[in-house]
């Protein structure tokens, strides 16, 4: 049997270490493979900087063609993010998330429908928590402090992150799709400083292991393994 892990850099296994991006061998699909080795082959189809538009454009090539039994969908962090270079240039203007929330939800619906049509079972994963303070420090270092006022008027990135996550939760309930709440599990598993890397967004190896442990526990709860 096969599990395809479908998502962005958090699926790929990206971390931010000593001022630079790195792809970790200790990513969540790799840890998950260790947990389910007697039952499943795990395939990592995570792509750096992807959003739900891009997932929808590659679902046939990267997921359907694999004929998986289960597809774990982890997407949203890039959807609710902003084009910070444009914000820095025009901090007084209105800016929209990269993928507006209505389109994000519609994209998820289409992904779920397409996966079901191919006789695979979709599983939605919540957005892992972030560290807004470290994220803002990175943004200020990269784009300058002019974006700080704009961010404060928008309620902060955690406002958008939480909004998209709540919408994902509602969609899972509405469509009766199995869901794995890694967000809550990670918040209850220890100090988030240990789980989130220096950019405030990507995870550490410990964070990815905690994520995969919750996925495995959920698969056991749903009697999928």
C-alpha atoms as a PDB file:
ATOM      1  CA  UNK A   1       0.000   0.000   0.000  1.00  0.00           C
ATOM      2  CA  UNK A   2       1.081   3.571  -0.598  1.00  0.00           C
ATOM      3  CA  UNK A   3       0.805   7.007   1.029  1.00  0.00           C
ATOM      4  CA  UNK A   4       1.581  10.141  -0.982  1.00  0.00           C
ATOM      5  CA  UNK A   5       2.529  13.176   1.109  1.00  0.00           C
ATOM      6  CA  UNK A   6       1.411  16.143  -0.996  1.00  0.00           C
ATOM      7  CA  UNK A   7       2.274  19.698  -0.070  1.00  0.00           C
ATOM      8  CA  UNK A   8       4.765  22.528   0.131  1.00  0.00           C
ATOM      9  CA  UNK A   9       8.156  22.973   1.812  1.00  0.00           C
ATOM     10  CA  UNK A  10       6.838  21.575   5.114  1.00  0.00           C
ATOM     11  CA  UNK A  11       6.252  18.312   3.281  1.00  0.00           C
ATOM     12  CA  UNK A  12       9.520  18.538   1.370  1.00  0.00           C
ATOM     13  CA  UNK A  13      11.410  18.946   4.654  1.00  0.00           C
ATOM     14  CA  UNK A  14      12.804  22.473   4.469  1.00  0.00           C
ATOM     15  CA  UNK A  15      14.356  24.042   7.563  1.00  0.00           C
ATOM     16  CA  UNK A  16      16.128  27.349   8.219  1.00  0.00           C
ATOM     17  CA  UNK A  17      19.489  26.787   9.862  1.00  0.00           C
ATOM     18  CA  UNK A  18      22.226  29.373  10.523  1.00  0.00           C
ATOM     19  CA  UNK A  19      20.747  31.891   8.100  1.00  0.00           C
ATOM     20  CA  UNK A  20      20.072  29.603   5.164  1.00  0.00           C
ATOM     21  CA  UNK A  21      17.467  27.186   3.887  1.00  0.00           C
ATOM     22  CA  UNK A  22      18.285  23.492   4.047  1.00  0.00           C
ATOM     23  CA  UNK A  23      16.398  20.366   3.043  1.00  0.00           C
ATOM     24  CA  UNK A  24      16.495  17.910   5.929  1.00  0.00           C
ATOM     25  CA  UNK A  25      16.685  14.175   5.547  1.00  0.00           C
ATOM     26  CA  UNK A  26      14.671  14.141   8.789  1.00  0.00           C
ATOM     27  CA  UNK A  27      11.457  15.273   7.095  1.00  0.00           C
ATOM     28  CA  UNK A  28       7.990  14.139   8.107  1.00  0.00           C
ATOM     29  CA  UNK A  29       7.478  11.642   5.228  1.00  0.00           C
ATOM     30  CA  UNK A  30      10.820  10.012   6.108  1.00  0.00           C
ATOM     31  CA  UNK A  31       9.844   9.686   9.776  1.00  0.00           C
ATOM     32  CA  UNK A  32       6.398   8.444   8.755  1.00  0.00           C
ATOM     33  CA  UNK A  33       8.004   5.754   6.610  1.00  0.00           C
ATOM     34  CA  UNK A  34       9.752   4.449   9.714  1.00  0.00           C
ATOM     35  CA  UNK A  35       6.460   4.317  11.602  1.00  0.00           C
ATOM     36  CA  UNK A  36       4.505   2.516   8.853  1.00  0.00           C
ATOM     37  CA  UNK A  37       7.249   0.466   7.210  1.00  0.00           C
ATOM     38  CA  UNK A  38       5.346  -2.792   7.737  1.00  0.00           C
ATOM     39  CA  UNK A  39       2.252  -1.486   5.987  1.00  0.00           C
ATOM     40  CA  UNK A  40       3.014   1.332   3.522  1.00  0.00           C
ATOM     41  CA  UNK A  41       5.444   2.894   1.112  1.00  0.00           C
ATOM     42  CA  UNK A  42       5.564   6.655   1.705  1.00  0.00           C
ATOM     43  CA  UNK A  43       6.210   8.982  -1.245  1.00  0.00           C
ATOM     44  CA  UNK A  44       7.271  12.605  -0.670  1.00  0.00           C
ATOM     45  CA  UNK A  45       5.678  14.985  -3.172  1.00  0.00           C
ATOM     46  CA  UNK A  46       6.425  18.234  -1.367  1.00  0.00           C
ATOM     47  CA  UNK A  47       7.655  21.230  -3.382  1.00  0.00           C
ATOM     48  CA  UNK A  48       9.230  24.356  -1.919  1.00  0.00           C
ATOM     49  CA  UNK A  49       7.051  27.507  -2.077  1.00  0.00           C
ATOM     50  CA  UNK A  50       3.961  25.696  -3.390  1.00  0.00           C
ATOM     51  CA  UNK A  51       0.440  26.900  -2.738  1.00  0.00           C
ATOM     52  CA  UNK A  52      -2.960  25.339  -3.419  1.00  0.00           C
ATOM     53  CA  UNK A  53      -3.050  26.738  -6.986  1.00  0.00           C
ATOM     54  CA  UNK A  54       0.174  24.900  -7.758  1.00  0.00           C
ATOM     55  CA  UNK A  55      -0.920  21.696  -6.010  1.00  0.00           C
ATOM     56  CA  UNK A  56      -4.031  21.622  -8.148  1.00  0.00           C
ATOM     57  CA  UNK A  57      -1.942  22.063 -11.300  1.00  0.00           C
ATOM     58  CA  UNK A  58       0.265  19.041 -10.491  1.00  0.00           C
ATOM     59  CA  UNK A  59      -2.139  16.659  -8.751  1.00  0.00           C
ATOM     60  CA  UNK A  60      -2.494  14.403 -11.796  1.00  0.00           C
ATOM     61  CA  UNK A  61       1.244  14.138 -12.445  1.00  0.00           C
ATOM     62  CA  UNK A  62       2.474  13.859  -8.863  1.00  0.00           C
ATOM     63  CA  UNK A  63      -0.418  12.113  -7.102  1.00  0.00           C
ATOM     64  CA  UNK A  64      -2.944  10.393  -9.356  1.00  0.00           C
ATOM     65  CA  UNK A  65      -0.218   8.729 -11.432  1.00  0.00           C
ATOM     66  CA  UNK A  66       1.181   7.136  -8.244  1.00  0.00           C
ATOM     67  CA  UNK A  67      -2.121   5.315  -7.558  1.00  0.00           C
ATOM     68  CA  UNK A  68      -1.841   5.817  -3.791  1.00  0.00           C
ATOM     69  CA  UNK A  69      -4.178   4.426  -1.161  1.00  0.00           C
ATOM     70  CA  UNK A  70      -3.989   7.643   0.888  1.00  0.00           C
ATOM     71  CA  UNK A  71      -3.012  11.224   0.079  1.00  0.00           C
ATOM     72  CA  UNK A  72      -2.016  13.516   2.956  1.00  0.00           C
ATOM     73  CA  UNK A  73      -2.611  17.128   1.899  1.00  0.00           C
ATOM     74  CA  UNK A  74      -0.622  19.793   3.760  1.00  0.00           C
ATOM     75  CA  UNK A  75      -1.017  23.243   2.209  1.00  0.00           C
ATOM     76  CA  UNK A  76      -1.939  26.784   3.200  1.00  0.00           C
ATOM     77  CA  UNK A  77       1.100  28.511   4.679  1.00  0.00           C
ATOM     78  CA  UNK A  78       2.093  30.022   1.345  1.00  0.00           C
ATOM     79  CA  UNK A  79      -1.516  30.709   0.361  1.00  0.00           C
ATOM     80  CA  UNK A  80      -2.085  33.011   3.353  1.00  0.00           C
ATOM     81  CA  UNK A  81       1.302  34.700   2.994  1.00  0.00           C
ATOM     82  CA  UNK A  82       1.865  38.009   1.195  1.00  0.00           C
ATOM     83  CA  UNK A  83       4.170  39.317  -1.513  1.00  0.00           C
ATOM     84  CA  UNK A  84       6.397  41.087   0.973  1.00  0.00           C
ATOM     85  CA  UNK A  85       8.475  42.901  -1.636  1.00  0.00           C
ATOM     86  CA  UNK A  86       5.304  44.601  -2.867  1.00  0.00           C
ATOM     87  CA  UNK A  87       4.209  45.392   0.699  1.00  0.00           C
ATOM     88  CA  UNK A  88       7.607  46.961   1.418  1.00  0.00           C
ATOM     89  CA  UNK A  89       7.367  49.176  -1.674  1.00  0.00           C
ATOM     90  CA  UNK A  90       3.793  50.263  -0.932  1.00  0.00           C
ATOM     91  CA  UNK A  91       3.140  49.868   2.805  1.00  0.00           C
ATOM     92  CA  UNK A  92       0.142  52.237   2.702  1.00  0.00           C
ATOM     93  CA  UNK A  93      -1.760  50.229   0.081  1.00  0.00           C
ATOM     94  CA  UNK A  94      -4.086  47.288   0.486  1.00  0.00           C
ATOM     95  CA  UNK A  95      -2.567  43.874  -0.255  1.00  0.00           C
ATOM     96  CA  UNK A  96      -4.211  40.502  -0.639  1.00  0.00           C
ATOM     97  CA  UNK A  97      -2.854  37.078   0.382  1.00  0.00           C
ATOM     98  CA  UNK A  98      -1.108  35.183  -2.410  1.00  0.00           C
ATOM     99  CA  UNK A  99      -4.131  32.879  -2.718  1.00  0.00           C
ATOM    100  CA  UNK A 100      -7.296  34.533  -1.340  1.00  0.00           C
ATOM    101  CA  UNK A 101      -9.170  32.379   1.146  1.00  0.00           C
ATOM    102  CA  UNK A 102     -12.195  31.685  -1.071  1.00  0.00           C
ATOM    103  CA  UNK A 103      -9.945  30.350  -3.827  1.00  0.00           C
ATOM    104  CA  UNK A 104      -7.908  28.377  -1.294  1.00  0.00           C
ATOM    105  CA  UNK A 105     -11.015  26.555  -0.071  1.00  0.00           C
ATOM    106  CA  UNK A 106     -12.229  25.968  -3.629  1.00  0.00           C
ATOM    107  CA  UNK A 107      -8.818  24.545  -4.553  1.00  0.00           C
ATOM    108  CA  UNK A 108      -8.971  22.157  -1.596  1.00  0.00           C
ATOM    109  CA  UNK A 109     -12.452  21.042  -2.645  1.00  0.00           C
ATOM    110  CA  UNK A 110     -11.198  20.299  -6.151  1.00  0.00           C
ATOM    111  CA  UNK A 111      -8.161  18.436  -4.837  1.00  0.00           C
ATOM    112  CA  UNK A 112     -10.330  16.305  -2.570  1.00  0.00           C
ATOM    113  CA  UNK A 113     -12.794  15.573  -5.375  1.00  0.00           C
ATOM    114  CA  UNK A 114     -10.032  14.686  -7.847  1.00  0.00           C
ATOM    115  CA  UNK A 115      -8.340  12.351  -5.353  1.00  0.00           C
ATOM    116  CA  UNK A 116     -11.602  10.634  -4.471  1.00  0.00           C
ATOM    117  CA  UNK A 117     -12.428  10.167  -8.153  1.00  0.00           C
ATOM    118  CA  UNK A 118      -9.140   8.309  -8.557  1.00  0.00           C
ATOM    119  CA  UNK A 119     -10.153   5.866  -5.793  1.00  0.00           C
ATOM    120  CA  UNK A 120      -7.632   7.251  -3.298  1.00  0.00           C
ATOM    121  CA  UNK A 121      -8.531   8.566   0.149  1.00  0.00           C
ATOM    122  CA  UNK A 122      -7.669  12.226   0.880  1.00  0.00           C
ATOM    123  CA  UNK A 123      -6.527  13.207   4.377  1.00  0.00           C
ATOM    124  CA  UNK A 124      -6.294  16.898   5.302  1.00  0.00           C
ATOM    125  CA  UNK A 125      -3.552  18.087   7.641  1.00  0.00           C
ATOM    126  CA  UNK A 126      -3.954  21.288   9.627  1.00  0.00           C
ATOM    127  CA  UNK A 127      -1.350  24.031   9.327  1.00  0.00           C
ATOM    128  CA  UNK A 128       1.499  23.530  11.803  1.00  0.00           C
ATOM    129  CA  UNK A 129       1.964  26.419  14.259  1.00  0.00           C
ATOM    130  CA  UNK A 130       4.349  29.267  13.489  1.00  0.00           C
ATOM    131  CA  UNK A 131       6.445  31.665  15.563  1.00  0.00           C
ATOM    132  CA  UNK A 132       5.365  35.160  14.476  1.00  0.00           C
ATOM    133  CA  UNK A 133       8.113  37.001  16.374  1.00  0.00           C
ATOM    134  CA  UNK A 134      10.943  35.155  14.633  1.00  0.00           C
ATOM    135  CA  UNK A 135       9.110  35.408  11.312  1.00  0.00           C
ATOM    136  CA  UNK A 136       8.727  39.197  11.647  1.00  0.00           C
ATOM    137  CA  UNK A 137      12.414  39.544  12.511  1.00  0.00           C
ATOM    138  CA  UNK A 138      13.320  37.681   9.345  1.00  0.00           C
ATOM    139  CA  UNK A 139      10.963  39.828   7.243  1.00  0.00           C
ATOM    140  CA  UNK A 140      12.328  43.058   8.733  1.00  0.00           C
ATOM    141  CA  UNK A 141      15.887  41.932   8.064  1.00  0.00           C
ATOM    142  CA  UNK A 142      15.030  41.073   4.453  1.00  0.00           C
ATOM    143  CA  UNK A 143      12.625  43.871   3.491  1.00  0.00           C
ATOM    144  CA  UNK A 144      13.212  46.627   6.044  1.00  0.00           C
ATOM    145  CA  UNK A 145      11.025  47.954   8.824  1.00  0.00           C
ATOM    146  CA  UNK A 146       8.512  49.717   6.553  1.00  0.00           C
ATOM    147  CA  UNK A 147       6.294  46.627   6.548  1.00  0.00           C
ATOM    148  CA  UNK A 148       5.881  46.563  10.344  1.00  0.00           C
ATOM    149  CA  UNK A 149       3.073  49.117  10.438  1.00  0.00           C
ATOM    150  CA  UNK A 150       1.224  47.383   7.613  1.00  0.00           C
ATOM    151  CA  UNK A 151       1.524  44.016   9.374  1.00  0.00           C
ATOM    152  CA  UNK A 152       0.137  45.437  12.602  1.00  0.00           C
ATOM    153  CA  UNK A 153      -2.895  46.870  10.787  1.00  0.00           C
ATOM    154  CA  UNK A 154      -3.615  43.453   9.275  1.00  0.00           C
ATOM    155  CA  UNK A 155      -3.646  41.708  12.653  1.00  0.00           C
ATOM    156  CA  UNK A 156      -0.360  39.950  12.031  1.00  0.00           C
ATOM    157  CA  UNK A 157       0.440  36.896   9.924  1.00  0.00           C
ATOM    158  CA  UNK A 158      -0.857  34.644  12.705  1.00  0.00           C
ATOM    159  CA  UNK A 159      -4.310  36.164  12.104  1.00  0.00           C
ATOM    160  CA  UNK A 160      -4.284  34.999   8.485  1.00  0.00           C
ATOM    161  CA  UNK A 161      -2.625  31.698   9.335  1.00  0.00           C
ATOM    162  CA  UNK A 162      -5.309  30.964  11.925  1.00  0.00           C
ATOM    163  CA  UNK A 163      -8.105  32.073   9.595  1.00  0.00           C
ATOM    164  CA  UNK A 164      -7.010  29.716   6.823  1.00  0.00           C
ATOM    165  CA  UNK A 165      -6.539  26.896   9.323  1.00  0.00           C
ATOM    166  CA  UNK A 166     -10.057  27.365  10.748  1.00  0.00           C
ATOM    167  CA  UNK A 167     -11.483  27.347   7.231  1.00  0.00           C
ATOM    168  CA  UNK A 168      -9.633  24.105   6.516  1.00  0.00           C
ATOM    169  CA  UNK A 169     -11.082  22.565   9.685  1.00  0.00           C
ATOM    170  CA  UNK A 170     -14.591  23.622   8.666  1.00  0.00           C
ATOM    171  CA  UNK A 171     -14.119  22.173   5.193  1.00  0.00           C
ATOM    172  CA  UNK A 172     -12.958  18.822   6.578  1.00  0.00           C
ATOM    173  CA  UNK A 173     -16.080  18.655   8.732  1.00  0.00           C
ATOM    174  CA  UNK A 174     -18.354  19.799   5.910  1.00  0.00           C
ATOM    175  CA  UNK A 175     -17.033  17.205   3.454  1.00  0.00           C
ATOM    176  CA  UNK A 176     -16.525  14.497   6.091  1.00  0.00           C
ATOM    177  CA  UNK A 177     -12.846  14.191   5.166  1.00  0.00           C
ATOM    178  CA  UNK A 178     -10.394  12.635   7.600  1.00  0.00           C
ATOM    179  CA  UNK A 179      -8.227  15.270   9.268  1.00  0.00           C
ATOM    180  CA  UNK A 180      -4.969  15.223  11.190  1.00  0.00           C
ATOM    181  CA  UNK A 181      -4.622  18.090  13.665  1.00  0.00           C
ATOM    182  CA  UNK A 182      -0.858  18.506  13.858  1.00  0.00           C
ATOM    183  CA  UNK A 183      -1.306  22.134  14.927  1.00  0.00           C
ATOM    184  CA  UNK A 184      -2.878  21.242  18.264  1.00  0.00           C
ATOM    185  CA  UNK A 185      -0.647  18.208  18.781  1.00  0.00           C
ATOM    186  CA  UNK A 186       2.553  20.223  18.343  1.00  0.00           C
ATOM    187  CA  UNK A 187       1.351  22.965  20.693  1.00  0.00           C
ATOM    188  CA  UNK A 188       0.729  20.322  23.357  1.00  0.00           C
ATOM    189  CA  UNK A 189       3.903  18.287  22.748  1.00  0.00           C
ATOM    190  CA  UNK A 190       6.535  20.651  24.129  1.00  0.00           C
ATOM    191  CA  UNK A 191       8.260  23.970  23.562  1.00  0.00           C
ATOM    192  CA  UNK A 192       7.525  25.284  20.065  1.00  0.00           C
ATOM    193  CA  UNK A 193      10.979  26.903  20.088  1.00  0.00           C
ATOM    194  CA  UNK A 194      12.347  23.371  19.684  1.00  0.00           C
ATOM    195  CA  UNK A 195       9.984  22.509  16.833  1.00  0.00           C
ATOM    196  CA  UNK A 196      10.138  25.660  14.687  1.00  0.00           C
ATOM    197  CA  UNK A 197      13.315  26.756  12.912  1.00  0.00           C
ATOM    198  CA  UNK A 198      14.918  30.193  12.995  1.00  0.00           C
ATOM    199  CA  UNK A 199      12.682  31.732  10.313  1.00  0.00           C
ATOM    200  CA  UNK A 200       9.570  31.127  12.427  1.00  0.00           C
ATOM    201  CA  UNK A 201       7.813  29.147   9.691  1.00  0.00           C
ATOM    202  CA  UNK A 202       9.680  25.965   8.805  1.00  0.00           C
ATOM    203  CA  UNK A 203      10.275  23.138  11.246  1.00  0.00           C
ATOM    204  CA  UNK A 204      13.312  21.534  12.826  1.00  0.00           C
ATOM    205  CA  UNK A 205      14.012  17.809  12.630  1.00  0.00           C
ATOM    206  CA  UNK A 206      12.381  17.493  16.050  1.00  0.00           C
ATOM    207  CA  UNK A 207       9.350  19.358  14.758  1.00  0.00           C
ATOM    208  CA  UNK A 208       9.028  17.095  11.724  1.00  0.00           C
ATOM    209  CA  UNK A 209       9.297  14.020  13.932  1.00  0.00           C
ATOM    210  CA  UNK A 210       6.560  15.322  16.224  1.00  0.00           C
ATOM    211  CA  UNK A 211       4.393  15.978  13.169  1.00  0.00           C
ATOM    212  CA  UNK A 212       4.900  12.476  11.792  1.00  0.00           C
ATOM    213  CA  UNK A 213       4.177  10.935  15.183  1.00  0.00           C
ATOM    214  CA  UNK A 214       0.785  12.653  15.263  1.00  0.00           C
ATOM    215  CA  UNK A 215       0.072  11.500  11.697  1.00  0.00           C
ATOM    216  CA  UNK A 216       0.848   7.915  12.639  1.00  0.00           C
ATOM    217  CA  UNK A 217      -1.308   8.167  15.769  1.00  0.00           C
ATOM    218  CA  UNK A 218      -4.175   9.494  13.658  1.00  0.00           C
ATOM    219  CA  UNK A 219      -3.793   6.670  11.157  1.00  0.00           C
ATOM    220  CA  UNK A 220      -3.992   4.224  14.079  1.00  0.00           C
ATOM    221  CA  UNK A 221      -7.058   6.015  15.450  1.00  0.00           C
ATOM    222  CA  UNK A 222      -8.759   5.835  12.058  1.00  0.00           C
ATOM    223  CA  UNK A 223      -7.711   2.149  11.835  1.00  0.00           C
ATOM    224  CA  UNK A 224      -5.839   2.823   8.602  1.00  0.00           C
ATOM    225  CA  UNK A 225      -2.782   0.797   9.698  1.00  0.00           C
END
